[in-house]
Amino acid sequence: MQQYESGTERGLIDGFVLDGHGGGRRITRSELPLLDLKPEESLWVHWDRGVPEAQLWLRESSGLNEFACDLLLEEATRPRLVDLGGERLLLFLRGVNLNPGAVPEDMVSLRVYAESQRVISLRLRPLKAVADLRADLDAGRGPKTASEVVLYLAHYLTDRVDTLIGGLADQLDAMEEAIEEDERSIPDQHQLRALRRRAAGLRRYLAPQREIYSQMIRFKASWTVADDADYWNELYNRLTRNLEELELVRERISLIQEAEHRRITERMNRTMYLLGIITGFFLPMSFVTGLLGINVGGIPGSDAPYGFAAACVVILGIVAFQWWIFRRMRWL
């Protein structure tokens, strides 16, 4: 099974000391207690919160209070921002689940603690955004400060959202083009329901995540960079556009389903109309033949040699009269 992140060292997935120039050197768990950061350096450690050793380190060696540790390790959470005071904050973000066999809208939680010169992130399932950040640091084009680490993570999470929502829109485009090219084309209702369910699942997490980005625009601390607000504003606008696209996806799905419902209703009405016309044609004839078929004495023409022919002429006359009436009333 493909994994986006490297193997853990007792729960530590990645550890980097940022050099302040876009690069960083890797560190192991055993080096954490011995670190002495220079003024231009920052620390980023990424943990697997499902590993007991990682939980133990967080509670005993990270320096975080019990409240912050409880929030970072709680099972269920939603996108939000918690200001811990003292220029420290917690962010709970969500990213697209790109793990093999996973449902993308079942978004993966990323918990982040940030302060001056230190960022601690935790996950339960792998995230491609973390792998992208690691690659940037290895290539020397990554974040330079702790605030940029948080910004990079949010940026890569939003990139995956852009791609996923763009894919939803492309699927709908293909369905609408098929319907326009062939009006008899029947949309896949199972696929429409899956798209609608996916859009609803994404909206559930992206709406509060957009509010986090809005709060980050206004967050000011001594360790943030001057232009951070501009980048957070751009991420906020991208998520706003994505949410608008999700709303449009839902409306387009509703229009396709309504059009299909109208088409089925019109076809049923047309069928019932034809059945009504046929019934109208045969009802008078059925009445005449039923009346003549009564097995009692005195039936007109029962002894006449041309009685059957005369009955047929009467029935044909009824048919012709009905045809004229129906045409006159524009039922045909």
C-alpha atoms as a PDB file:
ATOM      1  CA  MET A   1       0.000   0.000   0.000  1.00  0.00           C
ATOM      2  CA  GLN A   2       1.345   3.387  -0.979  1.00  0.00           C
ATOM      3  CA  GLN A   3       1.984   5.776   1.894  1.00  0.00           C
ATOM      4  CA  TYR A   4       2.516   9.481   1.613  1.00  0.00           C
ATOM      5  CA  GLU A   5       4.681   9.732   4.715  1.00  0.00           C
ATOM      6  CA  SER A   6       7.835   8.060   5.854  1.00  0.00           C
ATOM      7  CA  GLY A   7       8.011   5.459   8.584  1.00  0.00           C
ATOM      8  CA  THR A   8       7.616   6.548  12.187  1.00  0.00           C
ATOM      9  CA  GLU A   9      10.246   6.599  14.883  1.00  0.00           C
ATOM     10  CA  ARG A  10       8.158   5.803  17.971  1.00  0.00           C
ATOM     11  CA  GLY A  11       5.422   8.043  16.592  1.00  0.00           C
ATOM     12  CA  LEU A  12       7.619  10.762  15.070  1.00  0.00           C
ATOM     13  CA  ILE A  13       6.957  10.870  11.335  1.00  0.00           C
ATOM     14  CA  ASP A  14       8.963  13.972  10.453  1.00  0.00           C
ATOM     15  CA  GLY A  15      11.237  16.271  12.363  1.00  0.00           C
ATOM     16  CA  PHE A  16      12.862  19.343  10.791  1.00  0.00           C
ATOM     17  CA  VAL A  17      14.875  22.250  12.070  1.00  0.00           C
ATOM     18  CA  LEU A  18      14.190  25.075   9.617  1.00  0.00           C
ATOM     19  CA  ASP A  19      17.251  27.114   8.741  1.00  0.00           C
ATOM     20  CA  GLY A  20      15.316  30.298   7.984  1.00  0.00           C
ATOM     21  CA  HIS A  21      16.228  30.190   4.272  1.00  0.00           C
ATOM     22  CA  GLY A  22      13.718  27.649   2.933  1.00  0.00           C
ATOM     23  CA  GLY A  23      15.614  24.518   3.864  1.00  0.00           C
ATOM     24  CA  GLY A  24      15.929  22.374   6.934  1.00  0.00           C
ATOM     25  CA  ARG A  25      17.795  19.483   8.476  1.00  0.00           C
ATOM     26  CA  ARG A  26      16.118  16.328   9.644  1.00  0.00           C
ATOM     27  CA  ILE A  27      16.246  15.363  13.288  1.00  0.00           C
ATOM     28  CA  THR A  28      15.366  12.208  15.190  1.00  0.00           C
ATOM     29  CA  ARG A  29      13.324  11.839  18.334  1.00  0.00           C
ATOM     30  CA  SER A  30      16.424  11.354  20.442  1.00  0.00           C
ATOM     31  CA  GLU A  31      17.676  14.780  19.356  1.00  0.00           C
ATOM     32  CA  LEU A  32      14.580  16.671  20.509  1.00  0.00           C
ATOM     33  CA  PRO A  33      15.601  17.107  24.172  1.00  0.00           C
ATOM     34  CA  LEU A  34      19.055  18.386  23.118  1.00  0.00           C
ATOM     35  CA  LEU A  35      17.893  21.021  20.644  1.00  0.00           C
ATOM     36  CA  ASP A  36      19.125  24.578  21.062  1.00  0.00           C
ATOM     37  CA  LEU A  37      17.512  26.643  18.330  1.00  0.00           C
ATOM     38  CA  LYS A  38      19.242  29.690  16.924  1.00  0.00           C
ATOM     39  CA  PRO A  39      17.167  32.899  16.561  1.00  0.00           C
ATOM     40  CA  GLU A  40      16.614  32.330  12.844  1.00  0.00           C
ATOM     41  CA  GLU A  41      15.716  28.633  13.246  1.00  0.00           C
ATOM     42  CA  SER A  42      12.332  26.999  13.857  1.00  0.00           C
ATOM     43  CA  LEU A  43      11.258  23.460  14.721  1.00  0.00           C
ATOM     44  CA  TRP A  44       8.560  21.431  12.973  1.00  0.00           C
ATOM     45  CA  VAL A  45       7.678  17.976  14.249  1.00  0.00           C
ATOM     46  CA  HIS A  46       4.933  15.834  12.740  1.00  0.00           C
ATOM     47  CA  TRP A  47       3.531  12.961  14.823  1.00  0.00           C
ATOM     48  CA  ASP A  48       1.243   9.979  14.419  1.00  0.00           C
ATOM     49  CA  ARG A  49      -1.242  10.616  17.212  1.00  0.00           C
ATOM     50  CA  GLY A  50      -2.349   6.973  17.160  1.00  0.00           C
ATOM     51  CA  VAL A  51       1.033   5.839  18.544  1.00  0.00           C
ATOM     52  CA  PRO A  52       1.158   5.719  22.366  1.00  0.00           C
ATOM     53  CA  GLU A  53       4.773   6.982  22.422  1.00  0.00           C
ATOM     54  CA  ALA A  54       3.703  10.092  20.507  1.00  0.00           C
ATOM     55  CA  GLN A  55       0.900  10.757  22.984  1.00  0.00           C
ATOM     56  CA  LEU A  56       3.316  10.264  25.886  1.00  0.00           C
ATOM     57  CA  TRP A  57       5.824  12.723  24.383  1.00  0.00           C
ATOM     58  CA  LEU A  58       3.093  15.300  23.834  1.00  0.00           C
ATOM     59  CA  ARG A  59       1.898  15.131  27.437  1.00  0.00           C
ATOM     60  CA  GLU A  60       5.267  14.847  29.180  1.00  0.00           C
ATOM     61  CA  SER A  61       7.923  16.442  26.973  1.00  0.00           C
ATOM     62  CA  SER A  62       6.245  18.985  24.694  1.00  0.00           C
ATOM     63  CA  GLY A  63       5.689  21.628  27.366  1.00  0.00           C
ATOM     64  CA  LEU A  64       2.004  21.972  26.430  1.00  0.00           C
ATOM     65  CA  ASN A  65      -0.561  22.169  29.200  1.00  0.00           C
ATOM     66  CA  GLU A  66      -3.156  19.461  29.781  1.00  0.00           C
ATOM     67  CA  PHE A  67      -5.935  21.422  28.045  1.00  0.00           C
ATOM     68  CA  ALA A  68      -3.949  21.773  24.796  1.00  0.00           C
ATOM     69  CA  CYS A  69      -2.907  18.106  24.875  1.00  0.00           C
ATOM     70  CA  ASP A  70      -6.494  16.954  25.412  1.00  0.00           C
ATOM     71  CA  LEU A  71      -7.664  18.982  22.420  1.00  0.00           C
ATOM     72  CA  LEU A  72      -4.875  17.700  20.179  1.00  0.00           C
ATOM     73  CA  LEU A  73      -5.561  14.064  21.096  1.00  0.00           C
ATOM     74  CA  GLU A  74      -9.373  14.032  21.211  1.00  0.00           C
ATOM     75  CA  GLU A  75     -11.019  11.515  18.923  1.00  0.00           C
ATOM     76  CA  ALA A  76     -13.659  13.647  17.211  1.00  0.00           C
ATOM     77  CA  THR A  77     -13.037  17.206  16.148  1.00  0.00           C
ATOM     78  CA  ARG A  78     -14.088  19.750  13.558  1.00  0.00           C
ATOM     79  CA  PRO A  79     -12.199  22.546  11.793  1.00  0.00           C
ATOM     80  CA  ARG A  80     -11.632  25.362  14.273  1.00  0.00           C
ATOM     81  CA  LEU A  81      -9.051  27.707  15.729  1.00  0.00           C
ATOM     82  CA  VAL A  82      -8.279  27.960  19.440  1.00  0.00           C
ATOM     83  CA  ASP A  83      -6.284  30.932  20.719  1.00  0.00           C
ATOM     84  CA  LEU A  84      -4.339  29.695  23.760  1.00  0.00           C
ATOM     85  CA  GLY A  85      -3.051  33.144  24.605  1.00  0.00           C
ATOM     86  CA  GLY A  86       0.570  34.124  24.854  1.00  0.00           C
ATOM     87  CA  GLU A  87       0.783  34.145  21.035  1.00  0.00           C
ATOM     88  CA  ARG A  88       0.046  30.403  20.884  1.00  0.00           C
ATOM     89  CA  LEU A  89      -2.710  28.800  18.896  1.00  0.00           C
ATOM     90  CA  LEU A  90      -4.252  25.492  17.911  1.00  0.00           C
ATOM     91  CA  LEU A  91      -5.623  24.816  14.436  1.00  0.00           C
ATOM     92  CA  PHE A  92      -7.778  21.865  13.496  1.00  0.00           C
ATOM     93  CA  LEU A  93      -7.791  21.501   9.717  1.00  0.00           C
ATOM     94  CA  ARG A  94      -9.165  18.946   7.273  1.00  0.00           C
ATOM     95  CA  GLY A  95      -7.584  17.579   4.116  1.00  0.00           C
ATOM     96  CA  VAL A  96      -8.813  15.396   1.253  1.00  0.00           C
ATOM     97  CA  ASN A  97      -8.385  11.695   1.977  1.00  0.00           C
ATOM     98  CA  LEU A  98      -6.213  10.415  -0.883  1.00  0.00           C
ATOM     99  CA  ASN A  99      -5.194   7.168   0.816  1.00  0.00           C
ATOM    100  CA  PRO A 100      -5.727   3.986  -1.259  1.00  0.00           C
ATOM    101  CA  GLY A 101      -9.297   2.701  -1.046  1.00  0.00           C
ATOM    102  CA  ALA A 102     -10.504   5.757   0.882  1.00  0.00           C
ATOM    103  CA  VAL A 103     -13.440   8.017   0.096  1.00  0.00           C
ATOM    104  CA  PRO A 104     -12.043  11.513  -0.693  1.00  0.00           C
ATOM    105  CA  GLU A 105     -14.841  13.393   1.079  1.00  0.00           C
ATOM    106  CA  ASP A 106     -14.025  11.458   4.274  1.00  0.00           C
ATOM    107  CA  MET A 107     -11.549  14.202   5.058  1.00  0.00           C
ATOM    108  CA  VAL A 108      -8.466  13.601   7.202  1.00  0.00           C
ATOM    109  CA  SER A 109      -7.931  15.655  10.347  1.00  0.00           C
ATOM    110  CA  LEU A 110      -4.688  17.571  10.840  1.00  0.00           C
ATOM    111  CA  ARG A 111      -4.118  19.089  14.299  1.00  0.00           C
ATOM    112  CA  VAL A 112      -1.524  21.875  14.557  1.00  0.00           C
ATOM    113  CA  TYR A 113      -0.011  23.667  17.525  1.00  0.00           C
ATOM    114  CA  ALA A 114       1.973  26.785  16.622  1.00  0.00           C
ATOM    115  CA  GLU A 115       4.057  29.254  18.555  1.00  0.00           C
ATOM    116  CA  SER A 116       7.229  31.222  18.010  1.00  0.00           C
ATOM    117  CA  GLN A 117       9.908  28.929  16.540  1.00  0.00           C
ATOM    118  CA  ARG A 118       7.869  25.731  16.971  1.00  0.00           C
ATOM    119  CA  VAL A 119       5.100  23.896  15.138  1.00  0.00           C
ATOM    120  CA  ILE A 120       3.712  20.541  16.270  1.00  0.00           C
ATOM    121  CA  SER A 121       1.343  18.723  13.906  1.00  0.00           C
ATOM    122  CA  LEU A 122      -0.476  15.441  14.451  1.00  0.00           C
ATOM    123  CA  ARG A 123      -2.415  13.144  12.165  1.00  0.00           C
ATOM    124  CA  LEU A 124      -4.018   9.700  12.305  1.00  0.00           C
ATOM    125  CA  ARG A 125      -3.984   8.943   8.575  1.00  0.00           C
ATOM    126  CA  PRO A 126      -1.382  10.066   6.003  1.00  0.00           C
ATOM    127  CA  LEU A 127      -1.809  13.393   4.217  1.00  0.00           C
ATOM    128  CA  LYS A 128      -0.290  14.312   0.877  1.00  0.00           C
ATOM    129  CA  ALA A 129       0.058  17.928   2.034  1.00  0.00           C
ATOM    130  CA  VAL A 130       2.653  16.864   4.609  1.00  0.00           C
ATOM    131  CA  ALA A 131       4.615  14.981   1.957  1.00  0.00           C
ATOM    132  CA  ASP A 132       4.611  18.104  -0.237  1.00  0.00           C
ATOM    133  CA  LEU A 133       5.911  20.232   2.629  1.00  0.00           C
ATOM    134  CA  ARG A 134       8.634  17.687   3.366  1.00  0.00           C
ATOM    135  CA  ALA A 135       9.693  17.709  -0.297  1.00  0.00           C
ATOM    136  CA  ASP A 136       9.892  21.516  -0.281  1.00  0.00           C
ATOM    137  CA  LEU A 137      12.159  21.493   2.767  1.00  0.00           C
ATOM    138  CA  ASP A 138      14.390  18.827   1.253  1.00  0.00           C
ATOM    139  CA  ALA A 139      14.653  20.915  -1.933  1.00  0.00           C
ATOM    140  CA  GLY A 140      15.446  24.116  -0.019  1.00  0.00           C
ATOM    141  CA  ARG A 141      12.292  25.970  -1.130  1.00  0.00           C
ATOM    142  CA  GLY A 142      10.126  25.394   1.937  1.00  0.00           C
ATOM    143  CA  PRO A 143       8.911  27.642   4.758  1.00  0.00           C
ATOM    144  CA  LYS A 144      11.374  29.861   6.578  1.00  0.00           C
ATOM    145  CA  THR A 145       9.456  30.447   9.827  1.00  0.00           C
ATOM    146  CA  ALA A 146       6.931  28.712  12.065  1.00  0.00           C
ATOM    147  CA  SER A 147       4.092  30.842  10.692  1.00  0.00           C
ATOM    148  CA  GLU A 148       5.004  29.813   7.151  1.00  0.00           C
ATOM    149  CA  VAL A 149       4.894  26.122   8.124  1.00  0.00           C
ATOM    150  CA  VAL A 150       1.228  26.554   9.078  1.00  0.00           C
ATOM    151  CA  LEU A 151       0.584  28.549   5.921  1.00  0.00           C
ATOM    152  CA  TYR A 152       2.248  25.940   3.685  1.00  0.00           C
ATOM    153  CA  LEU A 153       0.187  23.145   5.239  1.00  0.00           C
ATOM    154  CA  ALA A 154      -3.050  25.091   4.683  1.00  0.00           C
ATOM    155  CA  HIS A 155      -1.966  25.905   1.127  1.00  0.00           C
ATOM    156  CA  TYR A 156      -1.345  22.275   0.177  1.00  0.00           C
ATOM    157  CA  LEU A 157      -4.563  21.135   1.846  1.00  0.00           C
ATOM    158  CA  THR A 158      -6.469  23.687  -0.238  1.00  0.00           C
ATOM    159  CA  ASP A 159      -4.693  22.572  -3.415  1.00  0.00           C
ATOM    160  CA  ARG A 160      -6.119  19.058  -3.005  1.00  0.00           C
ATOM    161  CA  VAL A 161      -9.577  20.509  -2.416  1.00  0.00           C
ATOM    162  CA  ASP A 162      -9.292  22.518  -5.655  1.00  0.00           C
ATOM    163  CA  THR A 163      -8.409  19.367  -7.591  1.00  0.00           C
ATOM    164  CA  LEU A 164     -11.209  17.285  -6.073  1.00  0.00           C
ATOM    165  CA  ILE A 165     -13.941  19.877  -6.644  1.00  0.00           C
ATOM    166  CA  GLY A 166     -12.677  20.483 -10.165  1.00  0.00           C
ATOM    167  CA  GLY A 167     -13.088  16.749 -10.789  1.00  0.00           C
ATOM    168  CA  LEU A 168     -16.693  16.855  -9.559  1.00  0.00           C
ATOM    169  CA  ALA A 169     -17.458  19.722 -11.930  1.00  0.00           C
ATOM    170  CA  ASP A 170     -15.835  17.835 -14.836  1.00  0.00           C
ATOM    171  CA  GLN A 171     -18.008  14.766 -14.193  1.00  0.00           C
ATOM    172  CA  LEU A 172     -21.121  16.924 -14.250  1.00  0.00           C
ATOM    173  CA  ASP A 173     -19.959  18.635 -17.449  1.00  0.00           C
ATOM    174  CA  ALA A 174     -19.625  15.240 -19.138  1.00  0.00           C
ATOM    175  CA  MET A 175     -23.118  14.193 -18.035  1.00  0.00           C
ATOM    176  CA  GLU A 176     -24.690  17.450 -19.213  1.00  0.00           C
ATOM    177  CA  GLU A 177     -22.918  17.224 -22.590  1.00  0.00           C
ATOM    178  CA  ALA A 178     -24.185  13.652 -23.061  1.00  0.00           C
ATOM    179  CA  ILE A 179     -27.755  14.793 -22.314  1.00  0.00           C
ATOM    180  CA  GLU A 180     -27.491  17.756 -24.696  1.00  0.00           C
ATOM    181  CA  GLU A 181     -26.147  15.567 -27.506  1.00  0.00           C
ATOM    182  CA  ASP A 182     -28.822  12.902 -27.026  1.00  0.00           C
ATOM    183  CA  GLU A 183     -32.057  13.907 -25.328  1.00  0.00           C
ATOM    184  CA  ARG A 184     -32.865  10.225 -24.819  1.00  0.00           C
ATOM    185  CA  SER A 185     -29.685   9.772 -22.794  1.00  0.00           C
ATOM    186  CA  ILE A 186     -30.527   8.650 -19.262  1.00  0.00           C
ATOM    187  CA  PRO A 187     -28.296  10.110 -16.513  1.00  0.00           C
ATOM    188  CA  ASP A 188     -26.795   7.653 -14.050  1.00  0.00           C
ATOM    189  CA  GLN A 189     -28.853   8.236 -10.906  1.00  0.00           C
ATOM    190  CA  HIS A 190     -26.380   6.321  -8.755  1.00  0.00           C
ATOM    191  CA  GLN A 191     -23.565   8.590  -9.936  1.00  0.00           C
ATOM    192  CA  LEU A 192     -25.687  11.696  -9.326  1.00  0.00           C
ATOM    193  CA  ARG A 193     -26.453  10.597  -5.788  1.00  0.00           C
ATOM    194  CA  ALA A 194     -22.771   9.852  -5.179  1.00  0.00           C
ATOM    195  CA  LEU A 195     -21.779  13.313  -6.453  1.00  0.00           C
ATOM    196  CA  ARG A 196     -24.395  15.005  -4.307  1.00  0.00           C
ATOM    197  CA  ARG A 197     -23.298  13.048  -1.246  1.00  0.00           C
ATOM    198  CA  ARG A 198     -19.663  13.931  -1.941  1.00  0.00           C
ATOM    199  CA  ALA A 199     -20.466  17.624  -2.326  1.00  0.00           C
ATOM    200  CA  ALA A 200     -22.405  17.620   0.945  1.00  0.00           C
ATOM    201  CA  GLY A 201     -19.549  15.867   2.761  1.00  0.00           C
ATOM    202  CA  LEU A 202     -16.989  18.368   1.501  1.00  0.00           C
ATOM    203  CA  ARG A 203     -19.153  21.348   2.377  1.00  0.00           C
ATOM    204  CA  ARG A 204     -19.534  20.056   5.924  1.00  0.00           C
ATOM    205  CA  TYR A 205     -15.818  20.604   6.603  1.00  0.00           C
ATOM    206  CA  LEU A 206     -14.887  23.353   4.172  1.00  0.00           C
ATOM    207  CA  ALA A 207     -17.372  25.919   5.489  1.00  0.00           C
ATOM    208  CA  PRO A 208     -15.862  26.030   9.017  1.00  0.00           C
ATOM    209  CA  GLN A 209     -12.350  25.737   7.571  1.00  0.00           C
ATOM    210  CA  ARG A 210     -12.964  28.904   5.580  1.00  0.00           C
ATOM    211  CA  GLU A 211     -13.776  30.658   8.860  1.00  0.00           C
ATOM    212  CA  ILE A 212     -10.422  29.512  10.231  1.00  0.00           C
ATOM    213  CA  TYR A 213      -8.674  31.185   7.306  1.00  0.00           C
ATOM    214  CA  SER A 214     -10.694  34.326   7.981  1.00  0.00           C
ATOM    215  CA  GLN A 215      -9.542  34.340  11.609  1.00  0.00           C
ATOM    216  CA  MET A 216      -5.927  33.781  10.537  1.00  0.00           C
ATOM    217  CA  ILE A 217      -6.122  36.944   8.412  1.00  0.00           C
ATOM    218  CA  ARG A 218      -6.707  38.886  11.614  1.00  0.00           C
ATOM    219  CA  PHE A 219      -4.274  36.921  13.794  1.00  0.00           C
ATOM    220  CA  LYS A 220      -1.249  39.019  14.691  1.00  0.00           C
ATOM    221  CA  ALA A 221       1.739  37.823  16.686  1.00  0.00           C
ATOM    222  CA  SER A 222       5.388  38.732  16.997  1.00  0.00           C
ATOM    223  CA  TRP A 223       6.376  35.561  15.118  1.00  0.00           C
ATOM    224  CA  THR A 224       4.058  36.022  12.115  1.00  0.00           C
ATOM    225  CA  VAL A 225       5.344  37.463   8.837  1.00  0.00           C
ATOM    226  CA  ALA A 226       4.042  40.801   7.593  1.00  0.00           C
ATOM    227  CA  ASP A 227       2.499  39.434   4.396  1.00  0.00           C
ATOM    228  CA  ASP A 228       0.953  36.322   6.014  1.00  0.00           C
ATOM    229  CA  ALA A 229      -2.444  38.024   6.048  1.00  0.00           C
ATOM    230  CA  ASP A 230      -2.338  38.414   2.249  1.00  0.00           C
ATOM    231  CA  TYR A 231      -1.723  34.689   1.778  1.00  0.00           C
ATOM    232  CA  TRP A 232      -4.416  33.708   4.262  1.00  0.00           C
ATOM    233  CA  ASN A 233      -6.799  36.032   2.445  1.00  0.00           C
ATOM    234  CA  GLU A 234      -5.998  34.263  -0.821  1.00  0.00           C
ATOM    235  CA  LEU A 235      -6.667  30.880   0.794  1.00  0.00           C
ATOM    236  CA  TYR A 236      -9.928  32.264   2.175  1.00  0.00           C
ATOM    237  CA  ASN A 237     -10.961  33.386  -1.319  1.00  0.00           C
ATOM    238  CA  ARG A 238     -10.058  29.999  -2.796  1.00  0.00           C
ATOM    239  CA  LEU A 239     -12.168  28.169  -0.254  1.00  0.00           C
ATOM    240  CA  THR A 240     -15.006  30.628  -0.856  1.00  0.00           C
ATOM    241  CA  ARG A 241     -14.800  29.853  -4.562  1.00  0.00           C
ATOM    242  CA  ASN A 242     -14.770  26.121  -3.793  1.00  0.00           C
ATOM    243  CA  LEU A 243     -17.842  26.419  -1.591  1.00  0.00           C
ATOM    244  CA  GLU A 244     -19.625  28.371  -4.320  1.00  0.00           C
ATOM    245  CA  GLU A 245     -18.652  25.652  -6.791  1.00  0.00           C
ATOM    246  CA  LEU A 246     -20.050  22.992  -4.436  1.00  0.00           C
ATOM    247  CA  GLU A 247     -23.302  24.928  -4.211  1.00  0.00           C
ATOM    248  CA  LEU A 248     -23.397  25.150  -8.000  1.00  0.00           C
ATOM    249  CA  VAL A 249     -22.697  21.413  -8.248  1.00  0.00           C
ATOM    250  CA  ARG A 250     -25.671  20.725  -6.002  1.00  0.00           C
ATOM    251  CA  GLU A 251     -27.923  22.990  -8.073  1.00  0.00           C
ATOM    252  CA  ARG A 252     -26.750  21.408 -11.335  1.00  0.00           C
ATOM    253  CA  ILE A 253     -27.444  17.936  -9.956  1.00  0.00           C
ATOM    254  CA  SER A 254     -30.911  19.083  -8.899  1.00  0.00           C
ATOM    255  CA  LEU A 255     -31.566  20.471 -12.396  1.00  0.00           C
ATOM    256  CA  ILE A 256     -30.471  17.205 -14.036  1.00  0.00           C
ATOM    257  CA  GLN A 257     -32.682  15.184 -11.686  1.00  0.00           C
ATOM    258  CA  GLU A 258     -35.624  17.550 -12.218  1.00  0.00           C
ATOM    259  CA  ALA A 259     -35.187  17.357 -15.994  1.00  0.00           C
ATOM    260  CA  GLU A 260     -35.121  13.551 -15.824  1.00  0.00           C
ATOM    261  CA  HIS A 261     -38.209  13.555 -13.592  1.00  0.00           C
ATOM    262  CA  ARG A 262     -40.017  15.840 -16.072  1.00  0.00           C
ATOM    263  CA  ARG A 263     -39.007  13.604 -18.955  1.00  0.00           C
ATOM    264  CA  ILE A 264     -40.342  10.511 -17.192  1.00  0.00           C
ATOM    265  CA  THR A 265     -43.539  12.338 -16.230  1.00  0.00           C
ATOM    266  CA  GLU A 266     -44.063  13.584 -19.790  1.00  0.00           C
ATOM    267  CA  ARG A 267     -43.499  10.081 -21.151  1.00  0.00           C
ATOM    268  CA  MET A 268     -46.006   8.636 -18.689  1.00  0.00           C
ATOM    269  CA  ASN A 269     -48.522  11.366 -19.521  1.00  0.00           C
ATOM    270  CA  ARG A 270     -48.048  10.685 -23.220  1.00  0.00           C
ATOM    271  CA  THR A 271     -48.587   6.980 -22.646  1.00  0.00           C
ATOM    272  CA  MET A 272     -51.714   7.594 -20.581  1.00  0.00           C
ATOM    273  CA  TYR A 273     -52.987   9.986 -23.242  1.00  0.00           C
ATOM    274  CA  LEU A 274     -52.568   7.364 -25.961  1.00  0.00           C
ATOM    275  CA  LEU A 275     -54.241   4.778 -23.785  1.00  0.00           C
ATOM    276  CA  GLY A 276     -57.113   7.215 -23.238  1.00  0.00           C
ATOM    277  CA  ILE A 277     -57.468   7.765 -27.005  1.00  0.00           C
ATOM    278  CA  ILE A 278     -57.446   4.026 -27.675  1.00  0.00           C
ATOM    279  CA  THR A 279     -59.992   3.469 -24.922  1.00  0.00           C
ATOM    280  CA  GLY A 280     -62.143   6.223 -26.362  1.00  0.00           C
ATOM    281  CA  PHE A 281     -62.049   4.546 -29.782  1.00  0.00           C
ATOM    282  CA  PHE A 282     -62.934   1.086 -28.601  1.00  0.00           C
ATOM    283  CA  LEU A 283     -65.427   1.896 -25.840  1.00  0.00           C
ATOM    284  CA  PRO A 284     -68.410   2.660 -28.173  1.00  0.00           C
ATOM    285  CA  MET A 285     -67.535  -0.342 -30.355  1.00  0.00           C
ATOM    286  CA  SER A 286     -67.298  -2.546 -27.283  1.00  0.00           C
ATOM    287  CA  PHE A 287     -70.696  -1.295 -26.189  1.00  0.00           C
ATOM    288  CA  VAL A 288     -72.295  -2.124 -29.579  1.00  0.00           C
ATOM    289  CA  THR A 289     -70.690  -5.577 -29.828  1.00  0.00           C
ATOM    290  CA  GLY A 290     -71.567  -6.317 -26.219  1.00  0.00           C
ATOM    291  CA  LEU A 291     -75.126  -5.245 -26.763  1.00  0.00           C
ATOM    292  CA  LEU A 292     -75.456  -7.396 -29.900  1.00  0.00           C
ATOM    293  CA  GLY A 293     -73.848 -10.314 -28.105  1.00  0.00           C
ATOM    294  CA  ILE A 294     -76.589 -10.590 -25.482  1.00  0.00           C
ATOM    295  CA  ASN A 295     -77.908 -14.126 -25.630  1.00  0.00           C
ATOM    296  CA  VAL A 296     -81.617 -13.263 -25.606  1.00  0.00           C
ATOM    297  CA  GLY A 297     -84.292 -13.291 -28.265  1.00  0.00           C
ATOM    298  CA  GLY A 298     -85.131 -10.300 -30.419  1.00  0.00           C
ATOM    299  CA  ILE A 299     -81.561  -9.290 -31.365  1.00  0.00           C
ATOM    300  CA  PRO A 300     -81.909  -7.178 -34.586  1.00  0.00           C
ATOM    301  CA  GLY A 301     -80.539  -8.904 -37.666  1.00  0.00           C
ATOM    302  CA  SER A 302     -79.990 -12.265 -36.009  1.00  0.00           C
ATOM    303  CA  ASP A 303     -81.884 -14.006 -38.804  1.00  0.00           C
ATOM    304  CA  ALA A 304     -80.880 -11.626 -41.615  1.00  0.00           C
ATOM    305  CA  PRO A 305     -78.251 -12.999 -44.093  1.00  0.00           C
ATOM    306  CA  TYR A 306     -76.427  -9.640 -44.103  1.00  0.00           C
ATOM    307  CA  GLY A 307     -76.761  -8.895 -40.404  1.00  0.00           C
ATOM    308  CA  PHE A 308     -73.008  -9.285 -39.640  1.00  0.00           C
ATOM    309  CA  ALA A 309     -72.062  -7.020 -42.564  1.00  0.00           C
ATOM    310  CA  ALA A 310     -74.553  -4.427 -41.409  1.00  0.00           C
ATOM    311  CA  ALA A 311     -73.110  -4.533 -37.875  1.00  0.00           C
ATOM    312  CA  CYS A 312     -69.588  -4.057 -39.271  1.00  0.00           C
ATOM    313  CA  VAL A 313     -70.775  -1.049 -41.310  1.00  0.00           C
ATOM    314  CA  VAL A 314     -72.335   0.474 -38.179  1.00  0.00           C
ATOM    315  CA  ILE A 315     -69.137  -0.041 -36.206  1.00  0.00           C
ATOM    316  CA  LEU A 316     -67.027   1.487 -39.002  1.00  0.00           C
ATOM    317  CA  GLY A 317     -69.430   4.420 -39.079  1.00  0.00           C
ATOM    318  CA  ILE A 318     -68.943   4.897 -35.344  1.00  0.00           C
ATOM    319  CA  VAL A 319     -65.156   4.796 -35.850  1.00  0.00           C
ATOM    320  CA  ALA A 320     -65.312   7.390 -38.620  1.00  0.00           C
ATOM    321  CA  PHE A 321     -67.546   9.646 -36.549  1.00  0.00           C
ATOM    322  CA  GLN A 322     -65.196   9.342 -33.577  1.00  0.00           C
ATOM    323  CA  TRP A 323     -62.196  10.146 -35.763  1.00  0.00           C
ATOM    324  CA  TRP A 324     -63.940  13.265 -37.033  1.00  0.00           C
ATOM    325  CA  ILE A 325     -64.870  14.318 -33.481  1.00  0.00           C
ATOM    326  CA  PHE A 326     -61.336  13.732 -32.152  1.00  0.00           C
ATOM    327  CA  ARG A 327     -59.790  15.676 -35.020  1.00  0.00           C
ATOM    328  CA  ARG A 328     -62.287  18.493 -34.568  1.00  0.00           C
ATOM    329  CA  MET A 329     -61.392  18.699 -30.882  1.00  0.00           C
ATOM    330  CA  ARG A 330     -57.668  18.390 -31.704  1.00  0.00           C
ATOM    331  CA  TRP A 331     -57.172  15.318 -29.576  1.00  0.00           C
ATOM    332  CA  LEU A 332     -55.261  13.717 -32.444  1.00  0.00           C
END
